[in-house]
C-alpha atoms as a PDB file:
ATOM      1  CA  MET A   1     170.537  49.962  30.020  1.00  0.00           C
ATOM      2  CA  THR A   2     167.681  48.108  28.318  1.00  0.00           C
ATOM      3  CA  ALA A   3     164.417  46.954  30.288  1.00  0.00           C
ATOM      4  CA  LEU A   4     164.108  44.118  28.365  1.00  0.00           C
ATOM      5  CA  ILE A   5     165.127  40.567  28.573  1.00  0.00           C
ATOM      6  CA  SER A   6     164.752  37.659  25.454  1.00  0.00           C
ATOM      7  CA  ALA A   7     164.026  34.664  26.850  1.00  0.00           C
ATOM      8  CA  PRO A   8     166.959  32.839  25.697  1.00  0.00           C
ATOM      9  CA  ALA A   9     169.087  35.461  28.087  1.00  0.00           C
ATOM     10  CA  LEU A  10     166.738  34.982  30.866  1.00  0.00           C
ATOM     11  CA  ALA A  11     167.390  31.360  29.882  1.00  0.00           C
ATOM     12  CA  ALA A  12     170.818  31.754  30.677  1.00  0.00           C
ATOM     13  CA  GLU A  13     170.478  33.535  33.842  1.00  0.00           C
ATOM     14  CA  LEU A  14     168.162  31.857  35.471  1.00  0.00           C
ATOM     15  CA  ALA A  15     171.028  28.953  35.334  1.00  0.00           C
ATOM     16  CA  GLY A  16     173.304  31.511  36.752  1.00  0.00           C
ATOM     17  CA  SER A  17     175.041  31.976  39.747  1.00  0.00           C
ATOM     18  CA  ARG A  18     172.595  35.117  40.459  1.00  0.00           C
ATOM     19  CA  PRO A  19     169.542  34.230  38.884  1.00  0.00           C
ATOM     20  CA  PRO A  20     166.947  37.170  39.147  1.00  0.00           C
ATOM     21  CA  VAL A  21     163.314  37.094  41.001  1.00  0.00           C
ATOM     22  CA  LEU A  22     160.736  35.742  38.350  1.00  0.00           C
ATOM     23  CA  LEU A  23     157.376  37.543  39.136  1.00  0.00           C
ATOM     24  CA  ASP A  24     154.493  36.008  36.594  1.00  0.00           C
ATOM     25  CA  VAL A  25     152.019  39.295  36.178  1.00  0.00           C
ATOM     26  CA  ARG A  26     149.367  37.527  34.193  1.00  0.00           C
ATOM     27  CA  TYR A  27     146.114  39.882  33.757  1.00  0.00           C
ATOM     28  CA  VAL A  28     143.566  40.277  31.410  1.00  0.00           C
ATOM     29  CA  PRO A  29     141.956  43.397  31.156  1.00  0.00           C
ATOM     30  CA  GLY A  30     137.797  43.066  32.123  1.00  0.00           C
ATOM     31  CA  GLY A  31     138.967  39.033  31.863  1.00  0.00           C
ATOM     32  CA  PRO A  32     139.280  36.169  34.392  1.00  0.00           C
ATOM     33  CA  PRO A  33     141.826  36.461  37.071  1.00  0.00           C
ATOM     34  CA  GLY A  34     145.390  35.334  36.451  1.00  0.00           C
ATOM     35  CA  ARG A  35     146.444  33.091  39.258  1.00  0.00           C
ATOM     36  CA  PRO A  36     144.599  30.154  37.488  1.00  0.00           C
ATOM     37  CA  ALA A  37     146.550  29.870  34.510  1.00  0.00           C
ATOM     38  CA  TYR A  38     149.451  29.967  36.933  1.00  0.00           C
ATOM     39  CA  VAL A  39     149.093  27.275  38.881  1.00  0.00           C
ATOM     40  CA  GLU A  40     148.520  25.407  35.832  1.00  0.00           C
ATOM     41  CA  GLY A  41     152.104  26.298  34.655  1.00  0.00           C
ATOM     42  CA  HIS A  42     154.643  28.866  35.108  1.00  0.00           C
ATOM     43  CA  LEU A  43     158.602  29.669  34.970  1.00  0.00           C
ATOM     44  CA  PRO A  44     160.519  27.660  37.520  1.00  0.00           C
ATOM     45  CA  GLY A  45     161.012  29.638  40.406  1.00  0.00           C
ATOM     46  CA  ALA A  46     157.743  32.524  39.401  1.00  0.00           C
ATOM     47  CA  VAL A  47     156.614  34.225  42.295  1.00  0.00           C
ATOM     48  CA  TYR A  48     152.129  35.598  41.016  1.00  0.00           C
ATOM     49  CA  VAL A  49     151.845  38.994  41.529  1.00  0.00           C
ATOM     50  CA  ASP A  50     148.071  39.818  41.152  1.00  0.00           C
ATOM     51  CA  LEU A  51     147.879  43.439  39.401  1.00  0.00           C
ATOM     52  CA  ASP A  52     144.139  44.124  40.650  1.00  0.00           C
ATOM     53  CA  THR A  53     145.243  43.444  44.836  1.00  0.00           C
ATOM     54  CA  GLU A  54     149.343  43.937  44.617  1.00  0.00           C
ATOM     55  CA  LEU A  55     149.665  46.232  41.643  1.00  0.00           C
ATOM     56  CA  ALA A  56     147.018  48.394  42.306  1.00  0.00           C
ATOM     57  CA  ALA A  57     145.088  50.467  45.742  1.00  0.00           C
ATOM     58  CA  PRO A  58     141.976  49.866  46.278  1.00  0.00           C
ATOM     59  CA  VAL A  59     139.508  51.951  43.935  1.00  0.00           C
ATOM     60  CA  GLY A  60     137.988  55.277  45.383  1.00  0.00           C
ATOM     61  CA  PRO A  61     135.633  57.932  44.737  1.00  0.00           C
ATOM     62  CA  GLY A  62     137.347  59.869  41.627  1.00  0.00           C
ATOM     63  CA  THR A  63     140.318  57.516  41.087  1.00  0.00           C
ATOM     64  CA  GLY A  64     141.047  54.939  37.902  1.00  0.00           C
ATOM     65  CA  ARG A  65     140.496  51.515  37.825  1.00  0.00           C
ATOM     66  CA  HIS A  66     144.199  51.152  38.673  1.00  0.00           C
ATOM     67  CA  PRO A  67     145.250  53.401  41.557  1.00  0.00           C
ATOM     68  CA  LEU A  68     148.991  53.363  42.506  1.00  0.00           C
ATOM     69  CA  PRO A  69     149.334  51.067  45.231  1.00  0.00           C
ATOM     70  CA  GLY A  70     150.847  53.035  48.777  1.00  0.00           C
ATOM     71  CA  ALA A  71     154.324  52.297  49.379  1.00  0.00           C
ATOM     72  CA  GLY A  72     153.925  50.481  52.332  1.00  0.00           C
ATOM     73  CA  ALA A  73     151.737  48.045  50.371  1.00  0.00           C
ATOM     74  CA  PHE A  74     153.446  47.633  47.574  1.00  0.00           C
ATOM     75  CA  GLY A  75     156.714  47.015  49.762  1.00  0.00           C
ATOM     76  CA  ASP A  76     155.172  44.199  51.567  1.00  0.00           C
ATOM     77  CA  ALA A  77     153.793  42.361  48.139  1.00  0.00           C
ATOM     78  CA  MET A  78     156.812  42.609  46.880  1.00  0.00           C
ATOM     79  CA  ARG A  79     159.348  41.408  49.725  1.00  0.00           C
ATOM     80  CA  ARG A  80     156.785  38.759  49.844  1.00  0.00           C
ATOM     81  CA  ALA A  81     157.541  37.913  46.277  1.00  0.00           C
ATOM     82  CA  GLY A  82     160.928  37.865  47.128  1.00  0.00           C
ATOM     83  CA  VAL A  83     162.485  41.325  45.820  1.00  0.00           C
ATOM     84  CA  SER A  84     165.007  42.820  47.204  1.00  0.00           C
ATOM     85  CA  GLY A  85     166.594  45.937  46.587  1.00  0.00           C
ATOM     86  CA  GLY A  86     170.173  44.880  45.457  1.00  0.00           C
ATOM     87  CA  ARG A  87     168.859  41.507  43.319  1.00  0.00           C
ATOM     88  CA  PRO A  88     167.940  41.703  39.255  1.00  0.00           C
ATOM     89  CA  VAL A  89     163.635  41.718  38.740  1.00  0.00           C
ATOM     90  CA  VAL A  90     162.498  40.615  35.551  1.00  0.00           C
ATOM     91  CA  ALA A  91     158.519  40.385  35.085  1.00  0.00           C
ATOM     92  CA  TYR A  92     156.259  38.372  32.764  1.00  0.00           C
ATOM     93  CA  ASP A  93     152.649  38.000  31.382  1.00  0.00           C
ATOM     94  CA  GLY A  94     150.867  36.205  28.843  1.00  0.00           C
ATOM     95  CA  GLY A  95     152.520  38.138  26.140  1.00  0.00           C
ATOM     96  CA  LEU A  96     150.492  41.551  25.222  1.00  0.00           C
ATOM     97  CA  GLY A  97     153.158  43.105  27.834  1.00  0.00           C
ATOM     98  CA  TRP A  98     150.739  45.215  29.559  1.00  0.00           C
ATOM     99  CA  ALA A  99     150.942  43.899  33.175  1.00  0.00           C
ATOM    100  CA  ALA A 100     154.630  43.172  33.107  1.00  0.00           C
ATOM    101  CA  ALA A 101     155.612  46.652  31.572  1.00  0.00           C
ATOM    102  CA  ARG A 102     152.885  47.881  34.989  1.00  0.00           C
ATOM    103  CA  ALA A 103     155.195  45.884  37.543  1.00  0.00           C
ATOM    104  CA  TRP A 104     158.489  47.017  35.666  1.00  0.00           C
ATOM    105  CA  TRP A 105     157.429  50.679  35.671  1.00  0.00           C
ATOM    106  CA  LEU A 106     156.197  50.387  39.353  1.00  0.00           C
ATOM    107  CA  LEU A 107     159.376  49.258  40.646  1.00  0.00           C
ATOM    108  CA  ARG A 108     160.663  51.646  38.636  1.00  0.00           C
ATOM    109  CA  TRP A 109     159.161  53.916  40.565  1.00  0.00           C
ATOM    110  CA  ALA A 110     159.502  52.951  43.761  1.00  0.00           C
ATOM    111  CA  GLY A 111     163.293  53.008  43.057  1.00  0.00           C
ATOM    112  CA  HIS A 112     164.239  49.699  42.421  1.00  0.00           C
ATOM    113  CA  ARG A 113     167.455  49.817  39.926  1.00  0.00           C
ATOM    114  CA  ASP A 114     167.087  46.381  37.860  1.00  0.00           C
ATOM    115  CA  VAL A 115     163.833  45.399  36.410  1.00  0.00           C
ATOM    116  CA  ARG A 116     163.143  43.992  33.119  1.00  0.00           C
ATOM    117  CA  VAL A 117     160.313  42.802  31.251  1.00  0.00           C
ATOM    118  CA  LEU A 118     160.929  39.052  29.524  1.00  0.00           C
ATOM    119  CA  ASP A 119     160.239  40.306  25.806  1.00  0.00           C
ATOM    120  CA  GLY A 120     156.832  38.428  24.428  1.00  0.00           C
ATOM    121  CA  GLY A 121     156.095  37.080  27.259  1.00  0.00           C
ATOM    122  CA  LEU A 122     154.924  33.667  28.277  1.00  0.00           C
ATOM    123  CA  ALA A 123     154.785  33.128  24.793  1.00  0.00           C
ATOM    124  CA  ALA A 124     158.754  33.486  23.763  1.00  0.00           C
ATOM    125  CA  TRP A 125     159.390  31.018  26.728  1.00  0.00           C
ATOM    126  CA  THR A 126     160.686  27.903  25.448  1.00  0.00           C
ATOM    127  CA  GLY A 127     161.808  26.702  28.606  1.00  0.00           C
ATOM    128  CA  PRO A 128     159.973  24.409  30.967  1.00  0.00           C
ATOM    129  CA  LEU A 129     157.007  24.887  32.502  1.00  0.00           C
ATOM    130  CA  THR A 130     156.125  23.844  36.391  1.00  0.00           C
ATOM    131  CA  LYS A 131     153.322  23.753  38.920  1.00  0.00           C
ATOM    132  CA  ASP A 132     155.397  23.547  41.848  1.00  0.00           C
ATOM    133  CA  VAL A 133     154.237  27.458  43.490  1.00  0.00           C
ATOM    134  CA  PRO A 134     157.670  28.827  45.696  1.00  0.00           C
ATOM    135  CA  THR A 135     157.861  30.013  48.575  1.00  0.00           C
ATOM    136  CA  PRO A 136     160.556  32.615  48.345  1.00  0.00           C
ATOM    137  CA  GLU A 137     162.694  33.764  51.181  1.00  0.00           C
ATOM    138  CA  GLU A 138     161.467  37.345  52.290  1.00  0.00           C
ATOM    139  CA  GLY A 139     163.077  40.199  50.083  1.00  0.00           C
ATOM    140  CA  ASP A 140     164.191  43.559  51.564  1.00  0.00           C
ATOM    141  CA  PHE A 141     163.043  45.785  49.084  1.00  0.00           C
ATOM    142  CA  VAL A 142     161.913  49.409  50.422  1.00  0.00           C
ATOM    143  CA  PRO A 143     160.084  51.937  48.200  1.00  0.00           C
ATOM    144  CA  GLU A 144     161.444  55.148  47.387  1.00  0.00           C
ATOM    145  CA  PRO A 145     158.252  56.418  45.433  1.00  0.00           C
ATOM    146  CA  GLY A 146     159.295  58.940  42.917  1.00  0.00           C
ATOM    147  CA  ALA A 147     161.850  58.325  40.431  1.00  0.00           C
ATOM    148  CA  LEU A 148     160.093  57.939  37.668  1.00  0.00           C
ATOM    149  CA  ARG A 149     157.597  60.686  36.713  1.00  0.00           C
ATOM    150  CA  THR A 150     154.131  60.919  36.689  1.00  0.00           C
ATOM    151  CA  LEU A 151     150.977  63.404  35.478  1.00  0.00           C
ATOM    152  CA  SER A 152     147.700  64.227  37.208  1.00  0.00           C
ATOM    153  CA  ALA A 153     144.519  64.880  35.688  1.00  0.00           C
ATOM    154  CA  ASP A 154     145.658  68.765  35.477  1.00  0.00           C
ATOM    155  CA  ALA A 155     149.340  68.044  34.511  1.00  0.00           C
ATOM    156  CA  ALA A 156     148.413  65.525  31.676  1.00  0.00           C
ATOM    157  CA  ALA A 157     145.618  68.320  30.584  1.00  0.00           C
ATOM    158  CA  GLU A 158     148.361  70.788  30.164  1.00  0.00           C
ATOM    159  CA  LEU A 159     150.576  69.193  28.723  1.00  0.00           C
ATOM    160  CA  ALA A 160     148.319  68.395  25.486  1.00  0.00           C
ATOM    161  CA  ARG A 161     148.757  71.940  24.620  1.00  0.00           C
ATOM    162  CA  ARG A 162     152.559  72.548  25.355  1.00  0.00           C
ATOM    163  CA  GLY A 163     153.765  69.159  24.980  1.00  0.00           C
ATOM    164  CA  VAL A 164     152.781  66.091  23.394  1.00  0.00           C
ATOM    165  CA  LEU A 165     150.656  63.186  25.626  1.00  0.00           C
ATOM    166  CA  LEU A 166     149.684  60.106  23.785  1.00  0.00           C
ATOM    167  CA  ASP A 167     147.129  57.424  24.259  1.00  0.00           C
ATOM    168  CA  ALA A 168     147.849  54.210  24.507  1.00  0.00           C
ATOM    169  CA  ARG A 169     144.330  52.634  24.282  1.00  0.00           C
ATOM    170  CA  ALA A 170     143.327  51.091  20.719  1.00  0.00           C
ATOM    171  CA  ALA A 171     142.666  53.508  18.512  1.00  0.00           C
ATOM    172  CA  GLU A 172     138.569  52.914  18.188  1.00  0.00           C
ATOM    173  CA  ARG A 173     138.594  54.448  22.023  1.00  0.00           C
ATOM    174  CA  TYR A 174     140.304  57.194  21.091  1.00  0.00           C
ATOM    175  CA  ARG A 175     138.283  57.691  18.624  1.00  0.00           C
ATOM    176  CA  GLY A 176     135.194  57.254  21.135  1.00  0.00           C
ATOM    177  CA  GLU A 177     133.608  54.733  18.464  1.00  0.00           C
ATOM    178  CA  VAL A 178     133.877  52.246  21.188  1.00  0.00           C
ATOM    179  CA  GLU A 179     134.202  51.862  25.312  1.00  0.00           C
ATOM    180  CA  PRO A 180     133.996  48.184  26.888  1.00  0.00           C
ATOM    181  CA  LEU A 181     135.832  49.336  30.123  1.00  0.00           C
ATOM    182  CA  ASP A 182     134.724  52.704  30.909  1.00  0.00           C
ATOM    183  CA  PRO A 183     131.626  55.134  31.476  1.00  0.00           C
ATOM    184  CA  VAL A 184     132.627  57.576  29.053  1.00  0.00           C
ATOM    185  CA  ALA A 185     134.089  57.435  25.237  1.00  0.00           C
ATOM    186  CA  GLY A 186     136.677  59.334  23.632  1.00  0.00           C
ATOM    187  CA  HIS A 187     140.315  61.087  24.272  1.00  0.00           C
ATOM    188  CA  ILE A 188     141.598  63.997  26.661  1.00  0.00           C
ATOM    189  CA  PRO A 189     141.591  66.650  23.986  1.00  0.00           C
ATOM    190  CA  GLY A 190     144.465  67.460  22.553  1.00  0.00           C
ATOM    191  CA  SER A 191     146.476  64.145  23.162  1.00  0.00           C
ATOM    192  CA  LEU A 192     147.838  62.000  19.987  1.00  0.00           C
ATOM    193  CA  SER A 193     146.455  58.168  19.299  1.00  0.00           C
ATOM    194  CA  ALA A 194     149.143  55.541  19.931  1.00  0.00           C
ATOM    195  CA  PRO A 195     148.052  52.351  20.460  1.00  0.00           C
ATOM    196  CA  THR A 196     150.449  50.507  21.713  1.00  0.00           C
ATOM    197  CA  THR A 197     150.235  47.484  18.904  1.00  0.00           C
ATOM    198  CA  GLY A 198     152.914  50.370  17.461  1.00  0.00           C
ATOM    199  CA  ALA A 199     155.508  49.737  19.699  1.00  0.00           C
ATOM    200  CA  VAL A 200     155.175  45.187  19.186  1.00  0.00           C
ATOM    201  CA  THR A 201     155.588  43.147  16.812  1.00  0.00           C
ATOM    202  CA  PRO A 202     153.082  40.410  15.252  1.00  0.00           C
ATOM    203  CA  GLU A 203     154.273  37.955  18.222  1.00  0.00           C
ATOM    204  CA  GLY A 204     154.242  40.425  20.571  1.00  0.00           C
ATOM    205  CA  VAL A 205     157.825  41.373  20.272  1.00  0.00           C
ATOM    206  CA  PHE A 206     159.226  44.923  21.032  1.00  0.00           C
ATOM    207  CA  ARG A 207     160.613  46.300  17.417  1.00  0.00           C
ATOM    208  CA  SER A 208     164.032  47.305  17.206  1.00  0.00           C
ATOM    209  CA  ALA A 209     165.179  50.238  18.893  1.00  0.00           C
ATOM    210  CA  ALA A 210     165.541  52.090  15.013  1.00  0.00           C
ATOM    211  CA  GLU A 211     161.802  51.192  14.453  1.00  0.00           C
ATOM    212  CA  LEU A 212     160.550  53.041  17.915  1.00  0.00           C
ATOM    213  CA  ALA A 213     162.589  56.027  17.413  1.00  0.00           C
ATOM    214  CA  GLU A 214     160.664  56.319  13.749  1.00  0.00           C
ATOM    215  CA  HIS A 215     157.092  55.048  15.539  1.00  0.00           C
ATOM    216  CA  PHE A 216     157.802  57.511  17.756  1.00  0.00           C
ATOM    217  CA  ALA A 217     159.428  60.243  15.652  1.00  0.00           C
ATOM    218  CA  ALA A 218     156.424  60.643  13.716  1.00  0.00           C
ATOM    219  CA  LEU A 219     153.900  60.866  16.293  1.00  0.00           C
ATOM    220  CA  GLY A 220     156.084  64.253  17.247  1.00  0.00           C
ATOM    221  CA  VAL A 221     158.456  62.664  20.118  1.00  0.00           C
ATOM    222  CA  GLY A 222     162.334  62.826  19.823  1.00  0.00           C
ATOM    223  CA  ALA A 223     164.735  62.610  22.827  1.00  0.00           C
ATOM    224  CA  ASP A 224     164.303  66.056  23.774  1.00  0.00           C
ATOM    225  CA  THR A 225     160.667  66.363  23.471  1.00  0.00           C
ATOM    226  CA  GLU A 226     158.301  66.839  26.643  1.00  0.00           C
ATOM    227  CA  VAL A 227     156.035  63.549  26.295  1.00  0.00           C
ATOM    228  CA  GLY A 228     154.044  61.958  28.778  1.00  0.00           C
ATOM    229  CA  VAL A 229     151.599  58.540  28.401  1.00  0.00           C
ATOM    230  CA  TYR A 230     147.735  57.947  29.149  1.00  0.00           C
ATOM    231  CA  CYS A 231     145.308  54.746  28.545  1.00  0.00           C
ATOM    232  CA  GLY A 232     142.701  53.277  30.501  1.00  0.00           C
ATOM    233  CA  SER A 233     143.799  52.585  34.285  1.00  0.00           C
ATOM    234  CA  GLY A 234     147.141  53.387  33.770  1.00  0.00           C
ATOM    235  CA  VAL A 235     148.042  49.613  32.679  1.00  0.00           C
ATOM    236  CA  SER A 236     148.565  49.749  28.852  1.00  0.00           C
ATOM    237  CA  ALA A 237     150.222  53.665  29.603  1.00  0.00           C
ATOM    238  CA  ALA A 238     152.977  52.016  31.338  1.00  0.00           C
ATOM    239  CA  HIS A 239     154.338  49.116  28.228  1.00  0.00           C
ATOM    240  CA  GLU A 240     154.584  52.664  26.011  1.00  0.00           C
ATOM    241  CA  VAL A 241     156.604  54.491  29.111  1.00  0.00           C
ATOM    242  CA  LEU A 242     158.872  50.980  28.462  1.00  0.00           C
ATOM    243  CA  ALA A 243     158.637  51.064  24.610  1.00  0.00           C
ATOM    244  CA  LEU A 244     159.820  55.075  25.069  1.00  0.00           C
ATOM    245  CA  ALA A 245     162.704  54.087  27.559  1.00  0.00           C
ATOM    246  CA  GLU A 246     164.503  52.060  24.886  1.00  0.00           C
ATOM    247  CA  VAL A 247     164.919  54.746  22.225  1.00  0.00           C
ATOM    248  CA  GLY A 248     165.938  57.473  25.574  1.00  0.00           C
ATOM    249  CA  VAL A 249     162.718  59.159  25.860  1.00  0.00           C
ATOM    250  CA  ASP A 250     161.788  59.556  29.882  1.00  0.00           C
ATOM    251  CA  ALA A 251     158.235  59.715  29.195  1.00  0.00           C
ATOM    252  CA  ALA A 252     155.556  60.957  32.451  1.00  0.00           C
ATOM    253  CA  LEU A 253     153.159  58.233  33.256  1.00  0.00           C
ATOM    254  CA  TYR A 254     149.249  59.716  33.923  1.00  0.00           C
ATOM    255  CA  PRO A 255     148.604  56.627  36.724  1.00  0.00           C
ATOM    256  CA  GLY A 256     144.579  57.909  36.793  1.00  0.00           C
ATOM    257  CA  SER A 257     144.070  57.755  32.785  1.00  0.00           C
ATOM    258  CA  TRP A 258     141.221  57.549  31.231  1.00  0.00           C
ATOM    259  CA  SER A 259     139.248  55.865  33.963  1.00  0.00           C
ATOM    260  CA  GLU A 260     140.400  58.813  36.058  1.00  0.00           C
ATOM    261  CA  TRP A 261     139.694  61.550  34.028  1.00  0.00           C
ATOM    262  CA  THR A 262     136.307  60.741  33.026  1.00  0.00           C
ATOM    263  CA  ALA A 263     135.200  59.993  36.817  1.00  0.00           C
ATOM    264  CA  ASP A 264     134.917  64.392  36.341  1.00  0.00           C
ATOM    265  CA  PRO A 265     132.329  64.906  33.979  1.00  0.00           C
ATOM    266  CA  ALA A 266     133.387  68.518  34.385  1.00  0.00           C
ATOM    267  CA  ARG A 267     136.370  67.465  32.530  1.00  0.00           C
ATOM    268  CA  PRO A 268     136.656  68.021  28.681  1.00  0.00           C
ATOM    269  CA  VAL A 269     136.383  64.722  26.390  1.00  0.00           C
ATOM    270  CA  ALA A 270     137.419  64.998  22.853  1.00  0.00           C
ATOM    271  CA  THR A 271     135.740  62.441  20.293  1.00  0.00           C
ATOM    272  CA  GLY A 272     137.499  61.549  16.737  1.00  0.00           C
ATOM    273  CA  PRO A 273     140.249  60.944  14.707  1.00  0.00           C
ATOM    274  CA  GLU A 274     141.761  64.565  15.260  1.00  0.00           C
ATOM    275  CA  PRO A 275     143.386  65.445  18.491  1.00  0.00           C
ATOM    276  CA  GLY A 276     140.226  67.743  19.386  1.00  0.00           C
END
């Protein structure tokens, strides 16, 4: 089953007898909060979910910028948003797809079986928007973490040596030329540069399965490849995990990602265009 839904298909489901729970997860890395944009207009029935406070735990010593939330706190947030175990969920964001993919990944990791991302995000939606803020009936979803694979820092380093570890950040961050968010520039030694932009069209819609398969094959990834993904803080990497899932590749996520990796000065750092 695809993890994506088109805007027309979503409109049809919302008009049907079993509409999905809608989560608005607008988020800009290092930018303003998404709630003001949500208040100005959102899909009818959508509930705003804050990435920093509801899709991540507080930052602590040695963690990345978006640690995985605890099961209790995450379950509380999802139930407040109306999420139930037996009802489909669709997440969307402003268009990058990163935040929506983070919500998708967390819900799937926590055991929800029917979660999709609006392909192209809000920019792809041609239906009406509303300023009405819904008060959803509390859901019954109880997280059971572990349904999707994760990597620790040590496991990510090992995978970079014997498998394929993809870096989903922009290529210039991988090379260490710039670093706008974290204190150290570069990449995990042995990892391969695979920016999320390679998986989508210029309009932000995911490429076809055939195109995605070709894209990842060029990086040495096939159906039987052991592969993991990291980014800056485990957000855009979820987008790449979703893209890989679309071609049948079960990729592991390194939730701590580069921000956790560089929190320990003893961990090695590579720079330049080569894995190192």
